[in-house]
PDB file of all heavy atoms in Angstrom:
ATOM      1  N   PRO A   1       5.414   1.919  -2.351  1.00  0.00           N
ATOM      2  CA  PRO A   1       5.948   3.187  -2.857  1.00  0.00           C
ATOM      3  C   PRO A   1       6.235   4.163  -1.717  1.00  0.00           C
ATOM      4  O   PRO A   1       5.405   4.354  -0.826  1.00  0.00           O
ATOM      5  CB  PRO A   1       4.816   3.700  -3.758  1.00  0.00           C
ATOM      6  CG  PRO A   1       4.089   2.468  -4.188  1.00  0.00           C
ATOM      7  CD  PRO A   1       4.144   1.553  -2.997  1.00  0.00           C
ATOM      8  N   GLY A   2       7.435   4.733  -1.762  1.00  0.00           N
ATOM      9  CA  GLY A   2       7.834   5.665  -0.730  1.00  0.00           C
ATOM     10  C   GLY A   2       8.544   5.029   0.444  1.00  0.00           C
ATOM     11  O   GLY A   2       9.147   5.732   1.267  1.00  0.00           O
ATOM     12  N   ALA A   3       8.514   3.703   0.546  1.00  0.00           N
ATOM     13  CA  ALA A   3       9.122   3.037   1.699  1.00  0.00           C
ATOM     14  C   ALA A   3      10.624   2.866   1.553  1.00  0.00           C
ATOM     15  O   ALA A   3      11.363   2.954   2.535  1.00  0.00           O
ATOM     16  CB  ALA A   3       8.469   1.676   1.936  1.00  0.00           C
ATOM     17  N   MET A   4      11.089   2.622   0.315  1.00  0.00           N
ATOM     18  CA  MET A   4      12.520   2.413   0.124  1.00  0.00           C
ATOM     19  C   MET A   4      12.948   3.064  -1.187  1.00  0.00           C
ATOM     20  O   MET A   4      13.109   4.273  -1.255  1.00  0.00           O
ATOM     21  CB  MET A   4      12.880   0.920   0.189  1.00  0.00           C
ATOM     22  CG  MET A   4      14.346   0.665   0.482  1.00  0.00           C
ATOM     23  SD  MET A   4      14.718  -1.069   0.893  1.00  0.00           S
ATOM     24  CE  MET A   4      15.057  -1.738  -0.742  1.00  0.00           C
ATOM     25  N   ASP A   5      13.105   2.281  -2.244  1.00  0.00           N
ATOM     26  CA  ASP A   5      13.622   2.826  -3.500  1.00  0.00           C
ATOM     27  C   ASP A   5      12.541   3.233  -4.492  1.00  0.00           C
ATOM     28  O   ASP A   5      12.817   3.963  -5.446  1.00  0.00           O
ATOM     29  CB  ASP A   5      14.542   1.807  -4.175  1.00  0.00           C
ATOM     30  CG  ASP A   5      15.814   1.563  -3.383  1.00  0.00           C
ATOM     31  OD1 ASP A   5      16.202   2.463  -2.613  1.00  0.00           O
ATOM     32  OD2 ASP A   5      16.408   0.483  -3.519  1.00  0.00           O
ATOM     33  N   PHE A   6      11.326   2.734  -4.315  1.00  0.00           N
ATOM     34  CA  PHE A   6      10.260   3.022  -5.276  1.00  0.00           C
ATOM     35  C   PHE A   6       9.563   4.330  -4.916  1.00  0.00           C
ATOM     36  O   PHE A   6       9.083   4.501  -3.791  1.00  0.00           O
ATOM     37  CB  PHE A   6       9.228   1.894  -5.309  1.00  0.00           C
ATOM     38  CG  PHE A   6       9.743   0.584  -5.851  1.00  0.00           C
ATOM     39  CD1 PHE A   6       8.984  -0.569  -5.746  1.00  0.00           C
ATOM     40  CD2 PHE A   6      10.977   0.501  -6.468  1.00  0.00           C
ATOM     41  CE1 PHE A   6       9.452  -1.783  -6.244  1.00  0.00           C
ATOM     42  CE2 PHE A   6      11.463  -0.704  -6.968  1.00  0.00           C
ATOM     43  CZ  PHE A   6      10.692  -1.848  -6.850  1.00  0.00           C
ATOM     44  N   ALA A   7       9.495   5.225  -5.890  1.00  0.00           N
ATOM     45  CA  ALA A   7       8.854   6.519  -5.664  1.00  0.00           C
ATOM     46  C   ALA A   7       7.340   6.356  -5.531  1.00  0.00           C
ATOM     47  O   ALA A   7       6.755   5.364  -5.972  1.00  0.00           O
ATOM     48  CB  ALA A   7       9.178   7.464  -6.817  1.00  0.00           C
ATOM     49  N   LEU A   8       6.713   7.355  -4.943  1.00  0.00           N
ATOM     50  CA  LEU A   8       5.257   7.329  -4.801  1.00  0.00           C
ATOM     51  C   LEU A   8       4.558   7.355  -6.152  1.00  0.00           C
ATOM     52  O   LEU A   8       3.535   6.688  -6.346  1.00  0.00           O
ATOM     53  CB  LEU A   8       4.791   8.527  -3.965  1.00  0.00           C
ATOM     54  CG  LEU A   8       5.093   8.477  -2.463  1.00  0.00           C
ATOM     55  CD1 LEU A   8       4.798   9.828  -1.831  1.00  0.00           C
ATOM     56  CD2 LEU A   8       4.263   7.384  -1.793  1.00  0.00           C
ATOM     57  N   TYR A   9       5.134   8.108  -7.075  1.00  0.00           N
ATOM     58  CA  TYR A   9       4.472   8.276  -8.372  1.00  0.00           C
ATOM     59  C   TYR A   9       5.297   7.590  -9.463  1.00  0.00           C
ATOM     60  O   TYR A   9       6.518   7.536  -9.383  1.00  0.00           O
ATOM     61  CB  TYR A   9       4.320   9.771  -8.671  1.00  0.00           C
ATOM     62  CG  TYR A   9       3.511  10.483  -7.620  1.00  0.00           C
ATOM     63  CD1 TYR A   9       4.130  11.164  -6.573  1.00  0.00           C
ATOM     64  CD2 TYR A   9       2.115  10.418  -7.642  1.00  0.00           C
ATOM     65  CE1 TYR A   9       3.386  11.790  -5.589  1.00  0.00           C
ATOM     66  CE2 TYR A   9       1.369  11.049  -6.656  1.00  0.00           C
ATOM     67  CZ  TYR A   9       2.015  11.722  -5.634  1.00  0.00           C
ATOM     68  OH  TYR A   9       1.257  12.328  -4.654  1.00  0.00           O
ATOM     69  N   PRO A  10       4.638   6.999 -10.460  1.00  0.00           N
ATOM     70  CA  PRO A  10       3.213   7.118 -10.780  1.00  0.00           C
ATOM     71  C   PRO A  10       2.299   6.111 -10.083  1.00  0.00           C
ATOM     72  O   PRO A  10       1.099   6.138 -10.273  1.00  0.00           O
ATOM     73  CB  PRO A  10       3.189   6.870 -12.280  1.00  0.00           C
ATOM     74  CG  PRO A  10       4.289   5.868 -12.481  1.00  0.00           C
ATOM     75  CD  PRO A  10       5.371   6.248 -11.515  1.00  0.00           C
ATOM     76  N   THR A  11       2.850   5.223  -9.252  1.00  0.00           N
ATOM     77  CA  THR A  11       2.068   4.098  -8.744  1.00  0.00           C
ATOM     78  C   THR A  11       0.808   4.530  -8.009  1.00  0.00           C
ATOM     79  O   THR A  11      -0.280   3.983  -8.236  1.00  0.00           O
ATOM     80  CB  THR A  11       2.930   3.219  -7.824  1.00  0.00           C
ATOM     81  OG1 THR A  11       4.132   2.869  -8.515  1.00  0.00           O
ATOM     82  CG2 THR A  11       2.188   1.950  -7.442  1.00  0.00           C
ATOM     83  N   VAL A  12       0.938   5.514  -7.102  1.00  0.00           N
ATOM     84  CA  VAL A  12      -0.247   5.885  -6.313  1.00  0.00           C
ATOM     85  C   VAL A  12      -1.334   6.499  -7.189  1.00  0.00           C
ATOM     86  O   VAL A  12      -2.527   6.362  -6.895  1.00  0.00           O
ATOM     87  CB  VAL A  12       0.129   6.816  -5.152  1.00  0.00           C
ATOM     88  CG1 VAL A  12       1.072   6.125  -4.181  1.00  0.00           C
ATOM     89  CG2 VAL A  12       0.742   8.119  -5.635  1.00  0.00           C
ATOM     90  N   ASP A  13      -0.937   7.142  -8.281  1.00  0.00           N
ATOM     91  CA  ASP A  13      -1.944   7.684  -9.208  1.00  0.00           C
ATOM     92  C   ASP A  13      -2.619   6.562  -9.990  1.00  0.00           C
ATOM     93  O   ASP A  13      -3.817   6.630 -10.284  1.00  0.00           O
ATOM     94  CB  ASP A  13      -1.300   8.671 -10.186  1.00  0.00           C
ATOM     95  CG  ASP A  13      -0.982  10.014  -9.548  1.00  0.00           C
ATOM     96  OD1 ASP A  13      -1.574  10.320  -8.493  1.00  0.00           O
ATOM     97  OD2 ASP A  13      -0.149  10.747 -10.099  1.00  0.00           O
ATOM     98  N   VAL A  14      -1.866   5.538 -10.340  1.00  0.00           N
ATOM     99  CA  VAL A  14      -2.438   4.416 -11.083  1.00  0.00           C
ATOM    100  C   VAL A  14      -3.452   3.677 -10.206  1.00  0.00           C
ATOM    101  O   VAL A  14      -4.525   3.268 -10.665  1.00  0.00           O
ATOM    102  CB  VAL A  14      -1.334   3.460 -11.560  1.00  0.00           C
ATOM    103  CG1 VAL A  14      -1.941   2.234 -12.242  1.00  0.00           C
ATOM    104  CG2 VAL A  14      -0.396   4.173 -12.532  1.00  0.00           C
ATOM    105  N   ILE A  15      -3.128   3.521  -8.927  1.00  0.00           N
ATOM    106  CA  ILE A  15      -4.055   2.869  -7.997  1.00  0.00           C
ATOM    107  C   ILE A  15      -5.266   3.747  -7.725  1.00  0.00           C
ATOM    108  O   ILE A  15      -6.409   3.276  -7.702  1.00  0.00           O
ATOM    109  CB  ILE A  15      -3.340   2.533  -6.673  1.00  0.00           C
ATOM    110  CG1 ILE A  15      -2.283   1.445  -6.908  1.00  0.00           C
ATOM    111  CG2 ILE A  15      -4.335   2.077  -5.604  1.00  0.00           C
ATOM    112  CD1 ILE A  15      -1.399   1.187  -5.703  1.00  0.00           C
ATOM    113  N   GLY A  16      -5.037   5.021  -7.507  1.00  0.00           N
ATOM    114  CA  GLY A  16      -6.106   5.946  -7.157  1.00  0.00           C
ATOM    115  C   GLY A  16      -6.085   6.248  -5.668  1.00  0.00           C
ATOM    116  O   GLY A  16      -5.970   5.345  -4.835  1.00  0.00           O
ATOM    117  N   ARG A  17      -6.178   7.520  -5.337  1.00  0.00           N
ATOM    118  CA  ARG A  17      -6.040   7.939  -3.935  1.00  0.00           C
ATOM    119  C   ARG A  17      -7.077   7.291  -3.029  1.00  0.00           C
ATOM    120  O   ARG A  17      -6.795   6.958  -1.880  1.00  0.00           O
ATOM    121  CB  ARG A  17      -6.138   9.470  -3.855  1.00  0.00           C
ATOM    122  CG  ARG A  17      -5.766  10.047  -2.506  1.00  0.00           C
ATOM    123  CD  ARG A  17      -5.548  11.554  -2.586  1.00  0.00           C
ATOM    124  NE  ARG A  17      -5.260  12.124  -1.285  1.00  0.00           N
ATOM    125  CZ  ARG A  17      -6.171  12.617  -0.473  1.00  0.00           C
ATOM    126  NH1 ARG A  17      -7.453  12.621  -0.850  1.00  0.00           N
ATOM    127  NH2 ARG A  17      -5.836  13.121   0.711  1.00  0.00           N
ATOM    128  N   ASP A  18      -8.280   7.060  -3.557  1.00  0.00           N
ATOM    129  CA  ASP A  18      -9.329   6.492  -2.714  1.00  0.00           C
ATOM    130  C   ASP A  18      -9.104   5.020  -2.402  1.00  0.00           C
ATOM    131  O   ASP A  18      -9.771   4.461  -1.522  1.00  0.00           O
ATOM    132  CB  ASP A  18     -10.700   6.689  -3.365  1.00  0.00           C
ATOM    133  CG  ASP A  18     -10.828   5.969  -4.701  1.00  0.00           C
ATOM    134  OD1 ASP A  18      -9.801   5.842  -5.391  1.00  0.00           O
ATOM    135  OD2 ASP A  18     -11.942   5.538  -5.051  1.00  0.00           O
ATOM    136  N   ARG A  19      -8.162   4.362  -3.103  1.00  0.00           N
ATOM    137  CA  ARG A  19      -7.889   2.950  -2.835  1.00  0.00           C
ATOM    138  C   ARG A  19      -6.581   2.736  -2.066  1.00  0.00           C
ATOM    139  O   ARG A  19      -6.253   1.594  -1.725  1.00  0.00           O
ATOM    140  CB  ARG A  19      -7.796   2.163  -4.161  1.00  0.00           C
ATOM    141  CG  ARG A  19      -9.089   2.012  -4.922  1.00  0.00           C
ATOM    142  CD  ARG A  19     -10.191   1.334  -4.109  1.00  0.00           C
ATOM    143  NE  ARG A  19      -9.787   0.132  -3.395  1.00  0.00           N
ATOM    144  CZ  ARG A  19      -9.672  -1.077  -3.973  1.00  0.00           C
ATOM    145  NH1 ARG A  19      -9.931  -1.237  -5.266  1.00  0.00           N
ATOM    146  NH2 ARG A  19      -9.320  -2.120  -3.251  1.00  0.00           N
ATOM    147  N   LEU A  20      -5.870   3.798  -1.751  1.00  0.00           N
ATOM    148  CA  LEU A  20      -4.595   3.629  -1.066  1.00  0.00           C
ATOM    149  C   LEU A  20      -4.752   3.020   0.321  1.00  0.00           C
ATOM    150  O   LEU A  20      -3.835   2.394   0.834  1.00  0.00           O
ATOM    151  CB  LEU A  20      -3.869   4.973  -0.962  1.00  0.00           C
ATOM    152  CG  LEU A  20      -3.275   5.515  -2.268  1.00  0.00           C
ATOM    153  CD1 LEU A  20      -2.625   6.866  -2.032  1.00  0.00           C
ATOM    154  CD2 LEU A  20      -2.265   4.537  -2.856  1.00  0.00           C
ATOM    155  N   LYS A  21      -5.914   3.170   0.924  1.00  0.00           N
ATOM    156  CA  LYS A  21      -6.150   2.566   2.238  1.00  0.00           C
ATOM    157  C   LYS A  21      -6.116   1.037   2.166  1.00  0.00           C
ATOM    158  O   LYS A  21      -5.944   0.369   3.193  1.00  0.00           O
ATOM    159  CB  LYS A  21      -7.486   3.032   2.808  1.00  0.00           C
ATOM    160  CG  LYS A  21      -8.704   2.626   1.995  1.00  0.00           C
ATOM    161  CD  LYS A  21      -9.997   3.149   2.596  1.00  0.00           C
ATOM    162  CE  LYS A  21     -11.203   2.838   1.727  1.00  0.00           C
ATOM    163  NZ  LYS A  21     -11.391   1.407   1.475  1.00  0.00           N
ATOM    164  N   ASP A  22      -6.282   0.487   0.978  1.00  0.00           N
ATOM    165  CA  ASP A  22      -6.285  -0.970   0.785  1.00  0.00           C
ATOM    166  C   ASP A  22      -5.001  -1.474   0.134  1.00  0.00           C
ATOM    167  O   ASP A  22      -4.924  -2.641  -0.251  1.00  0.00           O
ATOM    168  CB  ASP A  22      -7.474  -1.379  -0.096  1.00  0.00           C
ATOM    169  CG  ASP A  22      -8.799  -0.876   0.437  1.00  0.00           C
ATOM    170  OD1 ASP A  22      -8.994  -0.937   1.662  1.00  0.00           O
ATOM    171  OD2 ASP A  22      -9.626  -0.412  -0.376  1.00  0.00           O
ATOM    172  N   ALA A  23      -4.014  -0.600   0.020  1.00  0.00           N
ATOM    173  CA  ALA A  23      -2.801  -0.921  -0.744  1.00  0.00           C
ATOM    174  C   ALA A  23      -1.609  -1.156   0.174  1.00  0.00           C
ATOM    175  O   ALA A  23      -1.431  -0.467   1.180  1.00  0.00           O
ATOM    176  CB  ALA A  23      -2.485   0.199  -1.731  1.00  0.00           C
ATOM    177  N   TYR A  24      -0.800  -2.148  -0.172  1.00  0.00           N
ATOM    178  CA  TYR A  24       0.457  -2.453   0.512  1.00  0.00           C
ATOM    179  C   TYR A  24       0.243  -2.643   2.017  1.00  0.00           C
ATOM    180  O   TYR A  24       0.965  -2.097   2.849  1.00  0.00           O
ATOM    181  CB  TYR A  24       1.502  -1.374   0.218  1.00  0.00           C
ATOM    182  CG  TYR A  24       1.761  -1.220  -1.258  1.00  0.00           C
ATOM    183  CD1 TYR A  24       1.088  -0.241  -2.010  1.00  0.00           C
ATOM    184  CD2 TYR A  24       2.623  -2.071  -1.927  1.00  0.00           C
ATOM    185  CE1 TYR A  24       1.288  -0.128  -3.371  1.00  0.00           C
ATOM    186  CE2 TYR A  24       2.831  -1.956  -3.293  1.00  0.00           C
ATOM    187  CZ  TYR A  24       2.157  -0.985  -4.011  1.00  0.00           C
ATOM    188  OH  TYR A  24       2.351  -0.879  -5.357  1.00  0.00           O
ATOM    189  N   LEU A  25      -0.759  -3.427   2.346  1.00  0.00           N
ATOM    190  CA  LEU A  25      -1.084  -3.665   3.749  1.00  0.00           C
ATOM    191  C   LEU A  25      -0.099  -4.658   4.362  1.00  0.00           C
ATOM    192  O   LEU A  25       0.440  -5.530   3.696  1.00  0.00           O
ATOM    193  CB  LEU A  25      -2.496  -4.216   3.889  1.00  0.00           C
ATOM    194  CG  LEU A  25      -3.629  -3.377   3.274  1.00  0.00           C
ATOM    195  CD1 LEU A  25      -4.981  -3.986   3.618  1.00  0.00           C
ATOM    196  CD2 LEU A  25      -3.559  -1.926   3.731  1.00  0.00           C
ATOM    197  N   CYS A  26       0.105  -4.525   5.652  1.00  0.00           N
ATOM    198  CA  CYS A  26       0.930  -5.461   6.395  1.00  0.00           C
ATOM    199  C   CYS A  26       0.297  -5.687   7.766  1.00  0.00           C
ATOM    200  O   CYS A  26      -0.133  -6.785   8.091  1.00  0.00           O
ATOM    201  CB  CYS A  26       2.349  -4.917   6.524  1.00  0.00           C
ATOM    202  SG  CYS A  26       3.456  -6.030   7.392  1.00  0.00           S
ATOM    203  N   ARG A  27       0.245  -4.642   8.560  1.00  0.00           N
ATOM    204  CA  ARG A  27      -0.355  -4.748   9.900  1.00  0.00           C
ATOM    205  C   ARG A  27      -1.786  -5.245   9.829  1.00  0.00           C
ATOM    206  O   ARG A  27      -2.195  -6.102  10.621  1.00  0.00           O
ATOM    207  CB  ARG A  27      -0.288  -3.386  10.577  1.00  0.00           C
ATOM    208  CG  ARG A  27      -0.949  -3.304  11.941  1.00  0.00           C
ATOM    209  CD  ARG A  27      -0.852  -1.879  12.471  1.00  0.00           C
ATOM    210  NE  ARG A  27      -1.821  -1.626  13.512  1.00  0.00           N
ATOM    211  CZ  ARG A  27      -2.218  -0.401  13.863  1.00  0.00           C
ATOM    212  NH1 ARG A  27      -1.734   0.657  13.233  1.00  0.00           N
ATOM    213  NH2 ARG A  27      -3.091  -0.241  14.835  1.00  0.00           N
ATOM    214  N   SER A  28      -2.557  -4.738   8.868  1.00  0.00           N
ATOM    215  CA  SER A  28      -3.956  -5.153   8.750  1.00  0.00           C
ATOM    216  C   SER A  28      -4.065  -6.648   8.467  1.00  0.00           C
ATOM    217  O   SER A  28      -4.961  -7.327   8.991  1.00  0.00           O
ATOM    218  CB  SER A  28      -4.655  -4.367   7.643  1.00  0.00           C
ATOM    219  OG  SER A  28      -4.712  -2.985   7.961  1.00  0.00           O
ATOM    220  N   LEU A  29      -3.181  -7.175   7.647  1.00  0.00           N
ATOM    221  CA  LEU A  29      -3.194  -8.604   7.331  1.00  0.00           C
ATOM    222  C   LEU A  29      -2.819  -9.427   8.557  1.00  0.00           C
ATOM    223  O   LEU A  29      -3.450 -10.446   8.861  1.00  0.00           O
ATOM    224  CB  LEU A  29      -2.228  -8.904   6.183  1.00  0.00           C
ATOM    225  CG  LEU A  29      -2.435  -8.124   4.879  1.00  0.00           C
ATOM    226  CD1 LEU A  29      -1.420  -8.599   3.830  1.00  0.00           C
ATOM    227  CD2 LEU A  29      -3.843  -8.267   4.350  1.00  0.00           C
ATOM    228  N   ALA A  30      -1.784  -8.974   9.267  1.00  0.00           N
ATOM    229  CA  ALA A  30      -1.331  -9.709  10.447  1.00  0.00           C
ATOM    230  C   ALA A  30      -2.402  -9.711  11.527  1.00  0.00           C
ATOM    231  O   ALA A  30      -2.645 -10.743  12.171  1.00  0.00           O
ATOM    232  CB  ALA A  30      -0.037  -9.097  10.972  1.00  0.00           C
ATOM    233  N   GLU A  31      -3.042  -8.571  11.743  1.00  0.00           N
ATOM    234  CA  GLU A  31      -4.069  -8.490  12.779  1.00  0.00           C
ATOM    235  C   GLU A  31      -5.274  -9.360  12.451  1.00  0.00           C
ATOM    236  O   GLU A  31      -5.998  -9.788  13.353  1.00  0.00           O
ATOM    237  CB  GLU A  31      -4.504  -7.032  12.970  1.00  0.00           C
ATOM    238  CG  GLU A  31      -3.439  -6.174  13.643  1.00  0.00           C
ATOM    239  CD  GLU A  31      -3.830  -4.710  13.779  1.00  0.00           C
ATOM    240  OE1 GLU A  31      -4.832  -4.291  13.135  1.00  0.00           O
ATOM    241  OE2 GLU A  31      -3.153  -3.984  14.515  1.00  0.00           O
ATOM    242  N   ALA A  32      -5.468  -9.643  11.178  1.00  0.00           N
ATOM    243  CA  ALA A  32      -6.569 -10.516  10.762  1.00  0.00           C
ATOM    244  C   ALA A  32      -6.173 -11.988  10.780  1.00  0.00           C
ATOM    245  O   ALA A  32      -6.961 -12.847  10.375  1.00  0.00           O
ATOM    246  CB  ALA A  32      -7.057 -10.115   9.374  1.00  0.00           C
ATOM    247  N   GLY A  33      -4.950 -12.270  11.219  1.00  0.00           N
ATOM    248  CA  GLY A  33      -4.550 -13.658  11.395  1.00  0.00           C
ATOM    249  C   GLY A  33      -3.733 -14.263  10.278  1.00  0.00           C
ATOM    250  O   GLY A  33      -3.433 -15.461  10.312  1.00  0.00           O
ATOM    251  N   ALA A  34      -3.334 -13.470   9.283  1.00  0.00           N
ATOM    252  CA  ALA A  34      -2.530 -14.016   8.189  1.00  0.00           C
ATOM    253  C   ALA A  34      -1.083 -14.176   8.633  1.00  0.00           C
ATOM    254  O   ALA A  34      -0.477 -13.228   9.141  1.00  0.00           O
ATOM    255  CB  ALA A  34      -2.596 -13.102   6.973  1.00  0.00           C
ATOM    256  N   PRO A  35      -0.476 -15.362   8.456  1.00  0.00           N
ATOM    257  CA  PRO A  35       0.961 -15.503   8.723  1.00  0.00           C
ATOM    258  C   PRO A  35       1.749 -14.619   7.753  1.00  0.00           C
ATOM    259  O   PRO A  35       1.416 -14.541   6.569  1.00  0.00           O
ATOM    260  CB  PRO A  35       1.225 -16.990   8.451  1.00  0.00           C
ATOM    261  CG  PRO A  35      -0.118 -17.654   8.470  1.00  0.00           C
ATOM    262  CD  PRO A  35      -1.092 -16.624   8.012  1.00  0.00           C
TER     263      PRO A  35
END
């Protein structure tokens, strides 16, 4: 959400602000060795 065509809301509210750190990860997955 917010990266291209999808708006931030309502998705970020459905997830919850305290869980956004775990949402839509990319760099974190790559750094942990995931192809």
